[in-house]
């Protein structure tokens, strides 16, 4: 097991002419440097960081848009034997909430240095780069496997974000496991080019689509997450322009791509060998729609890979080529047993555990569940962190992920949903993904623009007096609410269409359907739904001034 610092100072990572390309936006040209140039800049920046008091064990907070200078700064922190936390930049809305999150992270992580723009007392990336021009190249400080590498913060959808302390041992183990799972051929710099727009303040972007290709010396193209948010088609354009072979994104991005490909956008995806879908629950029907739309553009459907992971396991837990497990809906929802059934509910398989990682399913008492029995997903292994930052280590090596799922007879994992999000009503477990998939299938609802959650039976629709409703989503009540982002048009007709689609596909009628304008549905900085926050705003009367007034059983 080689640490990331050892990889950065020897061999592939700095000894080849493979390039890092930062995609230009608007009229700005691309920035292209070899990994060798990035590493030399990083070694000079490490000297500057030492002047600023960065020593082994120091924690550095960084906030900046994706750039070659940012990548060099991250390398420089590691070369000093220090660790970093990447902070999310402000979005287009919710500035006060963003500042509150930053203050919470900084108070919890207590960094010795802050690098970025717009933060009092911070050092800018540009000033470090300017000083590094004349600085000598520093010798690397080699960390031990127990030394902190990354302090990664969770999205904080229900509370203040929690720090996930990823050690160099965790990081090296997960990088090795990912490479073993996907095959070293995908990291051969002579035949591959990776491409990503994923934010670096989340584990999928930082670990999977920066650190892995960077430490293996593989060509990489990085787009700004903002560029994708403003123009999702930019991802397809860069895949075509760069003949990229490996890329990935969460489920919601593939929903947007399916729409673009269906109307004909001229994309050429014939070079793509792997497209990873991970970071949020994967909708089987939507991914089938994407692969059908992408096939005429040259994509081999076998290139699409379903992935499951979490920050607490550094990143990856399991991989598998996109495939579904069809089960009897009634048995799944009423008995928690995934009985195979042709033309049943289609759930995405996410494969077997990567090398070194173990997966088990347990019931609420911690007892191991039988094959195909739904329970709590737990993981352990060298990639799994020992505990949360500032909290005592777990008393057991097994980490309960917060997700529900089951193992198939051949040992593949199937994820059903988040435990806190499940609604129990009429003797059934209803999963929000099923409701949301039905809602986004209605014409006029934006792809990825639906959130389903439960409310107490005692809540008066439209009252806005339900209070915060606690920290949960589903599981806190027995009435269903669906919020959707809608295009301009007949809101009343759209609400009725959504209600009909949900009841016809899930058998449960929404008590309420709320329509929101584009960008109003609460999401994390990486685009994931924040169901608990959506529910909180609904109960507080903050989600929308207009309620549909639909009640259970009223859909005509």
Protein backbone atom coordinates (compact mmCIF):
# COMPACT_ATOMS: atom_id res chain seq x y z
CA UNK A 1 0.00 0.00 0.00
CA UNK A 2 1.60 3.26 -1.17
CA UNK A 3 0.40 6.55 0.37
CA UNK A 4 -0.75 9.35 -1.88
CA UNK A 5 2.40 11.33 -1.03
CA UNK A 6 4.62 8.45 -2.13
CA UNK A 7 2.66 8.28 -5.37
CA UNK A 8 3.01 12.03 -5.94
CA UNK A 9 6.78 12.02 -5.49
CA UNK A 10 7.70 8.96 -7.50
CA UNK A 11 6.66 6.94 -10.51
CA UNK A 12 3.61 7.59 -12.62
CA UNK A 13 2.22 10.67 -10.90
CA UNK A 14 5.10 12.99 -11.78
CA UNK A 15 7.27 11.02 -14.18
CA UNK A 16 5.13 11.14 -17.30
CA UNK A 17 3.90 13.78 -19.69
CA UNK A 18 0.21 13.07 -19.14
CA UNK A 19 -1.74 16.29 -18.77
CA UNK A 20 -4.21 18.00 -16.47
CA UNK A 21 -6.62 20.13 -18.48
CA UNK A 22 -8.85 22.72 -16.83
CA UNK A 23 -11.69 23.34 -19.25
CA UNK A 24 -12.19 26.97 -20.15
CA UNK A 25 -15.58 28.61 -19.75
CA UNK A 26 -17.12 31.10 -22.14
CA UNK A 27 -14.33 32.61 -24.22
CA UNK A 28 -11.61 31.60 -21.78
CA UNK A 29 -9.22 29.00 -23.23
CA UNK A 30 -8.34 25.69 -21.62
CA UNK A 31 -5.41 25.55 -19.21
CA UNK A 32 -3.13 22.59 -19.89
CA UNK A 33 -0.21 21.43 -17.75
CA UNK A 34 1.60 18.14 -17.40
CA UNK A 35 1.29 16.34 -14.10
CA UNK A 36 5.05 16.88 -13.76
CA UNK A 37 4.53 20.67 -13.96
CA UNK A 38 1.69 20.53 -11.44
CA UNK A 39 3.86 18.57 -9.03
CA UNK A 40 6.84 20.93 -9.40
CA UNK A 41 4.56 23.88 -8.66
CA UNK A 42 3.18 21.99 -5.65
CA UNK A 43 6.68 21.40 -4.26
CA UNK A 44 7.41 25.13 -4.48
CA UNK A 45 4.05 25.93 -2.91
CA UNK A 46 4.90 23.51 -0.08
CA UNK A 47 7.87 25.73 0.74
CA UNK A 48 5.56 28.75 0.90
CA UNK A 49 3.09 26.88 3.09
CA UNK A 50 5.88 26.10 5.53
CA UNK A 51 6.48 29.86 5.84
CA UNK A 52 2.79 30.21 6.71
CA UNK A 53 3.18 27.68 9.54
CA UNK A 54 1.87 24.56 7.81
CA UNK A 55 3.61 21.64 9.49
CA UNK A 56 2.92 17.90 9.74
CA UNK A 57 -0.46 17.51 11.39
CA UNK A 58 -1.73 20.98 10.43
CA UNK A 59 -5.25 21.16 9.02
CA UNK A 60 -5.80 23.52 6.08
CA UNK A 61 -9.19 24.70 4.85
CA UNK A 62 -9.44 25.51 1.13
CA UNK A 63 -12.18 27.26 -0.82
CA UNK A 64 -11.67 27.95 -4.51
CA UNK A 65 -13.05 27.08 -7.92
CA UNK A 66 -11.52 24.18 -9.85
CA UNK A 67 -8.12 25.20 -11.28
CA UNK A 68 -4.61 23.84 -11.82
CA UNK A 69 -3.42 26.12 -9.02
CA UNK A 70 -5.97 24.61 -6.64
CA UNK A 71 -4.81 21.09 -7.51
CA UNK A 72 -1.20 22.11 -6.89
CA UNK A 73 -2.20 23.65 -3.55
CA UNK A 74 -3.86 20.40 -2.46
CA UNK A 75 -0.73 18.47 -3.40
CA UNK A 76 1.36 21.01 -1.49
CA UNK A 77 -0.66 20.46 1.69
CA UNK A 78 -0.07 16.72 1.44
CA UNK A 79 3.63 17.24 0.69
CA UNK A 80 3.91 19.16 3.98
CA UNK A 81 2.44 16.22 5.88
CA UNK A 82 -0.73 18.22 6.53
CA UNK A 83 -4.41 17.52 5.77
CA UNK A 84 -7.05 19.61 4.04
CA UNK A 85 -10.76 20.28 4.06
CA UNK A 86 -12.27 21.61 0.84
CA UNK A 87 -15.09 24.02 1.53
CA UNK A 88 -18.01 24.46 -0.89
CA UNK A 89 -18.10 27.83 -2.69
CA UNK A 90 -21.33 29.85 -2.49
CA UNK A 91 -24.15 28.89 -4.84
CA UNK A 92 -26.50 31.11 -6.77
CA UNK A 93 -28.96 31.23 -3.87
CA UNK A 94 -28.97 30.70 -0.11
CA UNK A 95 -25.95 32.82 0.74
CA UNK A 96 -26.81 33.09 4.45
CA UNK A 97 -27.27 29.33 4.76
CA UNK A 98 -23.95 28.80 2.97
CA UNK A 99 -22.11 31.17 5.31
CA UNK A 100 -23.65 29.43 8.30
CA UNK A 101 -22.41 26.07 7.01
CA UNK A 102 -18.90 27.45 6.46
CA UNK A 103 -18.80 28.90 9.96
CA UNK A 104 -19.89 25.52 11.38
CA UNK A 105 -17.21 23.63 9.46
CA UNK A 106 -14.45 26.09 10.36
CA UNK A 107 -15.45 26.04 14.04
CA UNK A 108 -15.42 22.24 14.06
CA UNK A 109 -12.25 21.64 12.01
CA UNK A 110 -10.18 24.46 13.56
CA UNK A 111 -7.79 24.85 10.61
CA UNK A 112 -4.33 26.30 11.09
CA UNK A 113 -4.60 28.06 7.72
CA UNK A 114 -7.44 29.02 5.41
CA UNK A 115 -6.76 29.35 1.68
CA UNK A 116 -9.34 31.08 -0.49
CA UNK A 117 -11.02 34.27 -1.59
CA UNK A 118 -13.61 36.28 0.32
CA UNK A 119 -12.84 34.90 3.80
CA UNK A 120 -11.34 37.28 6.39
CA UNK A 121 -7.82 36.23 7.34
CA UNK A 122 -7.50 33.76 4.47
CA UNK A 123 -4.52 33.48 2.13
CA UNK A 124 -5.44 33.47 -1.56
CA UNK A 125 -4.30 30.74 -3.93
CA UNK A 126 -2.93 33.48 -6.21
CA UNK A 127 -0.66 34.89 -3.48
CA UNK A 128 0.76 31.43 -2.74
CA UNK A 129 1.39 30.84 -6.45
CA UNK A 130 3.10 34.24 -6.77
CA UNK A 131 5.42 33.52 -3.85
CA UNK A 132 6.12 30.01 -5.14
CA UNK A 133 7.66 31.30 -8.38
CA UNK A 134 10.95 32.04 -6.64
CA UNK A 135 10.70 29.47 -3.86
CA UNK A 136 12.85 26.32 -3.85
CA UNK A 137 11.15 22.95 -4.21
CA UNK A 138 10.49 21.33 -0.85
CA UNK A 139 11.24 17.78 0.11
CA UNK A 140 8.11 15.76 0.80
CA UNK A 141 7.14 14.84 4.35
CA UNK A 142 6.13 11.19 4.25
CA UNK A 143 3.03 10.53 6.39
CA UNK A 144 2.18 7.37 8.27
CA UNK A 145 -0.99 5.37 7.56
CA UNK A 146 -2.71 6.77 10.69
CA UNK A 147 -2.00 10.40 9.79
CA UNK A 148 -4.93 12.52 8.63
CA UNK A 149 -5.13 13.10 4.86
CA UNK A 150 -8.59 14.65 4.31
CA UNK A 151 -11.17 15.96 6.75
CA UNK A 152 -14.28 15.47 4.60
CA UNK A 153 -17.56 17.02 5.74
CA UNK A 154 -20.93 15.46 5.08
CA UNK A 155 -23.58 17.47 3.28
CA UNK A 156 -25.39 18.25 6.51
CA UNK A 157 -28.90 17.79 5.13
CA UNK A 158 -30.46 17.28 8.55
CA UNK A 159 -28.02 18.93 10.94
CA UNK A 160 -24.63 20.57 11.08
CA UNK A 161 -22.14 18.73 8.87
CA UNK A 162 -20.03 16.05 10.53
CA UNK A 163 -16.33 15.67 9.85
CA UNK A 164 -15.14 12.38 8.37
CA UNK A 165 -11.40 11.97 9.14
CA UNK A 166 -9.88 10.04 6.23
CA UNK A 167 -6.37 8.86 7.07
CA UNK A 168 -3.61 8.15 4.57
CA UNK A 169 -4.18 4.46 5.24
CA UNK A 170 -7.90 4.78 4.47
CA UNK A 171 -7.17 6.75 1.31
CA UNK A 172 -4.49 4.41 -0.04
CA UNK A 173 -6.63 1.34 0.66
CA UNK A 174 -9.63 2.77 -1.18
CA UNK A 175 -7.61 3.96 -4.19
CA UNK A 176 -6.06 0.51 -4.51
CA UNK A 177 -9.46 -1.16 -4.16
CA UNK A 178 -11.02 1.07 -6.84
CA UNK A 179 -8.17 0.35 -9.24
CA UNK A 180 -8.51 -3.38 -8.63
CA UNK A 181 -12.28 -3.20 -9.19
CA UNK A 182 -12.24 -1.18 -12.42
CA UNK A 183 -9.00 -2.62 -13.81
CA UNK A 184 -5.63 -0.94 -14.29
CA UNK A 185 -6.24 -0.72 -18.04
CA UNK A 186 -8.65 2.18 -17.41
CA UNK A 187 -5.77 4.12 -15.86
CA UNK A 188 -3.28 3.51 -18.67
CA UNK A 189 -2.25 7.05 -19.73
CA UNK A 190 -1.53 5.89 -23.27
CA UNK A 191 -5.13 4.90 -23.95
CA UNK A 192 -7.33 6.85 -21.53
CA UNK A 193 -8.49 10.33 -20.67
CA UNK A 194 -10.67 10.92 -17.61
CA UNK A 195 -13.18 13.77 -17.45
CA UNK A 196 -15.15 15.20 -14.53
CA UNK A 197 -17.23 18.22 -13.56
CA UNK A 198 -17.88 16.88 -10.05
CA UNK A 199 -17.13 19.28 -7.18
CA UNK A 200 -13.92 18.60 -5.29
CA UNK A 201 -15.59 19.26 -1.94
CA UNK A 202 -17.38 15.89 -2.25
CA UNK A 203 -15.73 12.48 -2.11
CA UNK A 204 -16.76 11.28 -5.58
CA UNK A 205 -15.09 14.25 -7.24
CA UNK A 206 -12.09 14.51 -4.91
CA UNK A 207 -11.20 10.84 -4.49
CA UNK A 208 -12.63 9.13 -7.56
CA UNK A 209 -12.11 11.73 -10.25
CA UNK A 210 -9.07 13.67 -9.05
CA UNK A 211 -6.89 11.71 -6.64
CA UNK A 212 -7.14 8.37 -8.46
CA UNK A 213 -6.15 9.57 -11.97
CA UNK A 214 -3.69 12.10 -10.49
CA UNK A 215 -1.75 9.51 -8.48
CA UNK A 216 -1.74 7.12 -11.45
CA UNK A 217 -0.52 9.76 -13.89
CA UNK A 218 -3.57 9.49 -16.14
CA UNK A 219 -4.70 12.40 -18.37
CA UNK A 220 -7.56 14.29 -16.76
CA UNK A 221 -9.95 17.02 -17.88
CA UNK A 222 -11.71 18.96 -15.14
CA UNK A 223 -14.71 21.23 -15.65
CA UNK A 224 -16.00 23.67 -13.09
CA UNK A 225 -19.14 22.37 -11.34
CA UNK A 226 -20.65 25.79 -12.00
CA UNK A 227 -20.16 25.30 -15.74
CA UNK A 228 -22.25 22.13 -15.56
CA UNK A 229 -24.88 23.77 -13.37
CA UNK A 230 -25.29 26.63 -15.84
CA UNK A 231 -25.12 24.47 -18.98
CA UNK A 232 -25.49 20.70 -18.44
CA UNK A 233 -24.82 20.20 -22.17
CA UNK A 234 -21.22 21.29 -21.50
CA UNK A 235 -20.52 17.81 -20.10
CA UNK A 236 -21.56 16.12 -23.35
CA UNK A 237 -19.62 18.69 -25.37
CA UNK A 238 -16.40 18.00 -23.47
CA UNK A 239 -16.87 14.23 -23.67
CA UNK A 240 -17.08 14.65 -27.43
CA UNK A 241 -14.25 17.17 -27.77
CA UNK A 242 -11.78 15.31 -25.57
CA UNK A 243 -12.72 11.76 -26.63
CA UNK A 244 -12.91 10.99 -22.92
CA UNK A 245 -12.88 7.34 -21.88
CA UNK A 246 -13.95 7.55 -18.21
CA UNK A 247 -16.45 9.87 -16.55
CA UNK A 248 -19.18 9.78 -13.93
CA UNK A 249 -21.95 11.65 -12.14
CA UNK A 250 -24.90 11.24 -9.76
CA UNK A 251 -28.23 9.93 -11.02
CA UNK A 252 -29.83 13.36 -11.52
CA UNK A 253 -27.20 14.34 -14.10
CA UNK A 254 -28.01 11.31 -16.26
CA UNK A 255 -31.66 12.34 -16.21
CA UNK A 256 -30.67 15.71 -17.66
CA UNK A 257 -28.41 14.05 -20.23
CA UNK A 258 -31.21 11.72 -21.34
CA UNK A 259 -33.36 14.72 -22.20
CA UNK A 260 -30.56 16.39 -24.15
CA UNK A 261 -29.68 13.24 -26.07
CA UNK A 262 -33.30 12.51 -26.95
CA UNK A 263 -33.74 15.85 -28.69
CA UNK A 264 -30.48 15.35 -30.61
CA UNK A 265 -27.42 17.29 -29.48
CA UNK A 266 -24.71 15.95 -31.78
CA UNK A 267 -22.72 14.29 -28.98
CA UNK A 268 -20.25 11.52 -29.81
CA UNK A 269 -19.89 9.08 -26.90
CA UNK A 270 -18.14 6.32 -28.81
CA UNK A 271 -14.87 6.85 -26.92
CA UNK A 272 -16.43 6.27 -23.48
CA UNK A 273 -15.38 3.01 -21.83
CA UNK A 274 -16.92 3.63 -18.39
CA UNK A 275 -19.61 5.97 -17.08
CA UNK A 276 -20.06 5.66 -13.33
CA UNK A 277 -23.38 6.44 -11.68
CA UNK A 278 -23.09 6.99 -7.95
CA UNK A 279 -23.37 9.49 -5.14
CA UNK A 280 -27.14 9.15 -4.83
CA UNK A 281 -29.80 6.45 -5.34
CA UNK A 282 -29.87 5.14 -8.91
CA UNK A 283 -33.23 4.99 -10.68
CA UNK A 284 -33.39 1.90 -12.89
CA UNK A 285 -36.02 3.25 -15.30
CA UNK A 286 -34.22 6.55 -15.74
CA UNK A 287 -30.86 4.88 -16.40
CA UNK A 288 -32.51 2.62 -18.99
CA UNK A 289 -33.86 5.76 -20.61
CA UNK A 290 -30.37 7.29 -20.61
CA UNK A 291 -28.67 4.27 -22.13
CA UNK A 292 -31.39 4.06 -24.81
CA UNK A 293 -30.89 7.73 -25.66
CA UNK A 294 -27.09 7.44 -25.60
CA UNK A 295 -26.80 4.32 -27.76
CA UNK A 296 -27.40 6.18 -31.07
CA UNK A 297 -24.59 8.54 -29.99
CA UNK A 298 -22.11 5.67 -29.79
CA UNK A 299 -22.30 4.68 -26.12
CA UNK A 300 -22.02 0.98 -25.37
CA UNK A 301 -24.70 0.32 -22.69
CA UNK A 302 -22.25 -2.04 -20.99
CA UNK A 303 -20.03 0.98 -20.26
CA UNK A 304 -22.45 2.23 -17.59
CA UNK A 305 -21.44 1.15 -14.07
CA UNK A 306 -23.53 1.41 -10.90
CA UNK A 307 -21.52 2.39 -7.83
CA UNK A 308 -22.24 2.59 -4.12
CA UNK A 309 -20.12 4.45 -1.64
CA UNK A 310 -20.01 6.98 1.16
CA UNK A 311 -17.57 9.42 2.69
CA UNK A 312 -17.23 7.25 5.81
CA UNK A 313 -15.74 4.54 3.60
CA UNK A 314 -13.43 7.12 1.96
CA UNK A 315 -15.46 6.64 -1.25
CA UNK A 316 -16.10 3.26 -2.87
CA UNK A 317 -17.92 0.30 -1.32
CA UNK A 318 -19.04 -1.62 -4.41
CA UNK A 319 -19.25 -1.53 -8.24
CA UNK A 320 -21.08 -3.44 -10.90
CA UNK A 321 -22.13 -3.05 -14.55
CA UNK A 322 -25.61 -1.57 -14.64
CA UNK A 323 -28.15 -4.34 -13.98
CA UNK A 324 -31.46 -4.62 -12.17
CA UNK A 325 -32.96 -7.01 -9.64
CA UNK A 326 -36.70 -7.37 -10.17
CA UNK A 327 -38.65 -8.17 -7.03
CA UNK A 328 -42.25 -8.50 -5.91
CA UNK A 329 -43.36 -5.05 -4.74
CA UNK A 330 -45.93 -6.36 -2.25
CA UNK A 331 -43.43 -8.70 -0.59
CA UNK A 332 -40.78 -5.99 -0.45
CA UNK A 333 -43.01 -3.32 1.03
CA UNK A 334 -45.08 -5.45 3.44
CA UNK A 335 -42.61 -8.14 4.52
CA UNK A 336 -39.20 -6.61 3.80
CA UNK A 337 -38.34 -9.61 1.64
CA UNK A 338 -37.00 -9.11 -1.89
CA UNK A 339 -38.75 -12.00 -3.61
CA UNK A 340 -37.58 -12.31 -7.25
CA UNK A 341 -40.45 -11.64 -9.65
CA UNK A 342 -40.55 -11.07 -13.39
CA UNK A 343 -41.91 -7.63 -14.20
CA UNK A 344 -41.74 -6.64 -10.55
CA UNK A 345 -40.16 -3.56 -9.02
CA UNK A 346 -36.77 -2.97 -10.66
CA UNK A 347 -33.96 -2.17 -8.22
CA UNK A 348 -30.39 -1.47 -9.31
CA UNK A 349 -27.67 -3.90 -8.27
CA UNK A 350 -24.54 -2.12 -7.09
CA UNK A 351 -22.28 -5.17 -7.00
CA UNK A 352 -20.00 -6.93 -4.57
CA UNK A 353 -17.72 -5.19 -2.09
CA UNK A 354 -14.41 -3.87 -3.38
CA UNK A 355 -11.23 -5.58 -2.23
CA UNK A 356 -10.71 -5.37 1.54
CA UNK A 357 -14.24 -4.16 2.28
CA UNK A 358 -16.99 -6.32 3.78
CA UNK A 359 -20.76 -5.75 3.60
CA UNK A 360 -23.42 -7.22 5.83
CA UNK A 361 -27.14 -6.65 6.38
CA UNK A 362 -28.50 -6.49 9.93
CA UNK A 363 -31.86 -5.98 11.60
CA UNK A 364 -32.57 -3.22 14.11
CA UNK A 365 -31.06 -5.36 16.91
CA UNK A 366 -27.82 -5.80 14.99
CA UNK A 367 -28.42 -9.45 14.08
CA UNK A 368 -27.32 -10.51 10.63
CA UNK A 369 -30.19 -10.82 8.16
CA UNK A 370 -30.76 -13.66 5.72
CA UNK A 371 -30.23 -13.38 1.98
CA UNK A 372 -32.80 -11.08 0.32
CA UNK A 373 -34.11 -9.77 3.64
CA UNK A 374 -34.07 -5.97 3.78
CA UNK A 375 -32.10 -4.49 6.67
CA UNK A 376 -29.46 -1.99 7.61
CA UNK A 377 -26.37 -1.90 5.36
CA UNK A 378 -23.15 -2.12 7.38
CA UNK A 379 -19.57 -2.02 6.09
CA UNK A 380 -16.10 -2.54 7.49
CA UNK A 381 -12.55 -2.65 6.17
CA UNK A 382 -9.37 -0.59 5.81
CA UNK A 383 -11.16 2.17 3.86
CA UNK A 384 -13.74 2.75 6.61
CA UNK A 385 -12.89 5.57 9.03
CA UNK A 386 -12.74 4.84 12.75
CA UNK A 387 -15.31 7.46 13.73
CA UNK A 388 -16.38 11.05 13.22
CA UNK A 389 -14.17 14.04 13.87
CA UNK A 390 -14.24 15.08 17.52
CA UNK A 391 -16.23 12.00 18.56
CA UNK A 392 -15.09 8.77 20.24
CA UNK A 393 -14.16 5.90 17.89
CA UNK A 394 -16.88 3.38 17.13
CA UNK A 395 -16.83 0.43 19.55
CA UNK A 396 -17.10 -1.95 16.58
CA UNK A 397 -15.32 -2.09 13.22
CA UNK A 398 -18.71 -2.23 11.50
CA UNK A 399 -20.20 1.06 10.32
CA UNK A 400 -23.98 1.32 9.97
CA UNK A 401 -24.37 3.42 6.83
CA UNK A 402 -27.91 4.67 7.36
CA UNK A 403 -29.02 2.92 4.16
CA UNK A 404 -31.42 0.00 3.84
CA UNK A 405 -30.82 -2.84 1.40
CA UNK A 406 -30.27 -6.54 0.93
CA UNK A 407 -27.78 -9.01 -0.50
CA UNK A 408 -28.72 -11.25 -3.41
CA UNK A 409 -27.93 -14.95 -3.53
CA UNK A 410 -24.74 -14.23 -5.46
CA UNK A 411 -23.59 -11.65 -2.92
CA UNK A 412 -24.45 -8.46 -4.77
CA UNK A 413 -25.75 -5.47 -2.85
CA UNK A 414 -29.06 -3.80 -3.65
CA UNK A 415 -29.82 -0.47 -1.97
CA UNK A 416 -33.48 0.29 -1.22
CA UNK A 417 -33.15 3.76 0.33
CA UNK A 418 -32.25 5.75 3.41
CA UNK A 419 -33.62 4.35 6.65
CA UNK A 420 -34.74 7.78 7.84
CA UNK A 421 -36.63 8.41 4.58
CA UNK A 422 -38.92 5.37 4.56
CA UNK A 423 -42.64 6.05 5.06
CA UNK A 424 -44.71 3.40 6.79
CA UNK A 425 -48.38 3.58 5.83
CA UNK A 426 -51.18 1.04 5.49
CA UNK A 427 -48.80 -1.73 6.51
CA UNK A 428 -46.28 -0.92 3.75
CA UNK A 429 -42.81 0.59 3.52
CA UNK A 430 -42.90 3.24 0.77
CA UNK A 431 -39.53 4.37 -0.58
CA UNK A 432 -39.22 8.01 -1.70
CA UNK A 433 -37.26 7.10 -4.84
CA UNK A 434 -40.30 5.25 -6.22
CA UNK A 435 -42.53 8.25 -5.64
CA UNK A 436 -39.99 10.67 -7.13
CA UNK A 437 -39.45 8.50 -10.20
CA UNK A 438 -43.19 8.54 -10.85
CA UNK A 439 -43.34 12.32 -10.41
CA UNK A 440 -40.45 13.19 -12.75
CA UNK A 441 -42.05 11.04 -15.46
CA UNK A 442 -44.87 13.57 -15.73
CA UNK A 443 -44.41 16.06 -18.62
CA UNK A 444 -43.61 19.47 -17.19
CA UNK A 445 -41.65 18.21 -14.17
CA UNK A 446 -37.94 18.93 -14.38
CA UNK A 447 -35.57 15.94 -14.41
CA UNK A 448 -34.29 15.37 -10.88
CA UNK A 449 -36.81 17.90 -9.64
CA UNK A 450 -38.99 15.91 -7.24
CA UNK A 451 -38.79 15.26 -3.50
CA UNK A 452 -41.12 12.96 -1.56
CA UNK A 453 -41.51 12.98 2.21
CA UNK A 454 -43.92 12.09 4.98
CA UNK A 455 -45.88 14.34 7.34
CA UNK A 456 -47.79 13.60 10.56
CA UNK A 457 -51.40 12.50 10.15
CA UNK A 458 -52.41 15.34 12.48
CA UNK A 459 -50.88 18.04 10.27
CA UNK A 460 -53.44 20.38 8.70
CA UNK A 461 -52.64 20.86 5.03
CA UNK A 462 -51.80 24.45 4.21
CA UNK A 463 -51.57 25.50 7.86
CA UNK A 464 -47.84 26.07 7.91
CA UNK A 465 -47.99 25.44 11.65
CA UNK A 466 -46.40 22.05 11.90
CA UNK A 467 -43.14 23.28 13.38
CA UNK A 468 -39.82 21.78 12.43
CA UNK A 469 -41.15 18.23 12.55
CA UNK A 470 -37.95 16.81 13.95
CA UNK A 471 -34.98 15.66 11.91
CA UNK A 472 -36.50 12.88 9.86
CA UNK A 473 -38.35 12.63 6.59
CA UNK A 474 -40.36 9.50 5.90
CA UNK A 475 -41.00 7.46 8.97
CA UNK A 476 -42.20 10.52 10.91
CA UNK A 477 -45.82 10.29 9.74
CA UNK A 478 -48.21 8.45 7.51
CA UNK A 479 -49.20 11.02 4.87
CA UNK A 480 -47.30 11.58 1.63
CA UNK A 481 -46.26 14.97 0.20
CA UNK A 482 -44.54 15.47 -3.16
CA UNK A 483 -42.75 18.69 -4.10
CA UNK A 484 -41.78 19.17 -7.76
CA UNK A 485 -39.89 21.74 -9.79
CA UNK A 486 -42.12 22.61 -12.70
CA UNK A 487 -41.91 24.55 -15.91
CA UNK A 488 -44.31 27.47 -16.28
CA UNK A 489 -47.84 26.36 -17.12
CA UNK A 490 -50.98 24.97 -15.56
CA UNK A 491 -49.92 24.28 -11.98
CA UNK A 492 -53.27 22.82 -10.97
CA UNK A 493 -53.25 20.42 -13.90
CA UNK A 494 -49.65 19.44 -13.23
CA UNK A 495 -50.34 18.74 -9.56
CA UNK A 496 -53.22 16.47 -10.50
CA UNK A 497 -51.07 14.69 -13.12
CA UNK A 498 -48.31 14.11 -10.55
CA UNK A 499 -50.80 12.75 -8.01
CA UNK A 500 -52.28 10.38 -10.58
CA UNK A 501 -48.84 9.16 -11.66
CA UNK A 502 -47.78 8.52 -8.07
CA UNK A 503 -50.91 6.65 -7.08
CA UNK A 504 -50.90 4.56 -10.25
CA UNK A 505 -47.25 3.52 -9.87
CA UNK A 506 -46.93 3.20 -6.10
CA UNK A 507 -50.51 2.60 -4.96
CA UNK A 508 -50.34 5.54 -2.52
CA UNK A 509 -52.12 8.84 -3.16
CA UNK A 510 -50.28 12.02 -2.11
CA UNK A 511 -51.97 14.09 0.54
CA UNK A 512 -50.41 17.16 -1.09
CA UNK A 513 -48.46 18.10 -4.21
CA UNK A 514 -46.48 21.35 -4.23
CA UNK A 515 -45.14 22.98 -7.39
CA UNK A 516 -41.98 25.08 -7.22
CA UNK A 517 -40.14 27.16 -9.76
CA UNK A 518 -36.76 26.03 -11.09
CA UNK A 519 -34.01 26.07 -8.45
CA UNK A 520 -36.38 26.28 -5.46
CA UNK A 521 -36.20 22.64 -4.39
CA UNK A 522 -33.66 22.32 -1.56
CA UNK A 523 -30.53 20.49 -2.68
CA UNK A 524 -26.98 20.04 -1.49
CA UNK A 525 -24.13 21.90 -3.16
CA UNK A 526 -23.55 18.86 -5.41
CA UNK A 527 -27.15 18.72 -6.58
CA UNK A 528 -28.54 15.98 -4.30
CA UNK A 529 -32.04 16.31 -2.91
CA UNK A 530 -32.41 17.48 0.68
CA UNK A 531 -35.60 15.69 1.61
CA UNK A 532 -35.42 16.52 5.32
CA UNK A 533 -34.92 20.22 4.59
CA UNK A 534 -37.76 20.16 2.05
CA UNK A 535 -39.98 18.60 4.69
CA UNK A 536 -38.92 21.14 7.33
CA UNK A 537 -39.75 24.04 5.04
CA UNK A 538 -43.09 22.49 4.16
CA UNK A 539 -44.10 22.04 7.79
CA UNK A 540 -42.95 25.59 8.58
CA UNK A 541 -45.00 27.01 5.71
CA UNK A 542 -41.83 28.17 3.90
CA UNK A 543 -41.84 25.89 0.88
CA UNK A 544 -44.51 27.53 -1.23
CA UNK A 545 -47.39 29.96 -0.71
CA UNK A 546 -49.58 27.76 -2.92
CA UNK A 547 -50.75 24.33 -1.74
CA UNK A 548 -52.75 21.94 -3.89
CA UNK A 549 -55.13 20.90 -1.15
CA UNK A 550 -55.22 17.32 -2.45
CA UNK A 551 -56.16 14.85 0.23
CA UNK A 552 -55.71 11.14 0.39
CA UNK A 553 -58.25 9.42 -1.82
CA UNK A 554 -59.35 12.63 -3.58
CA UNK A 555 -57.60 12.01 -6.90
CA UNK A 556 -60.21 11.59 -9.62
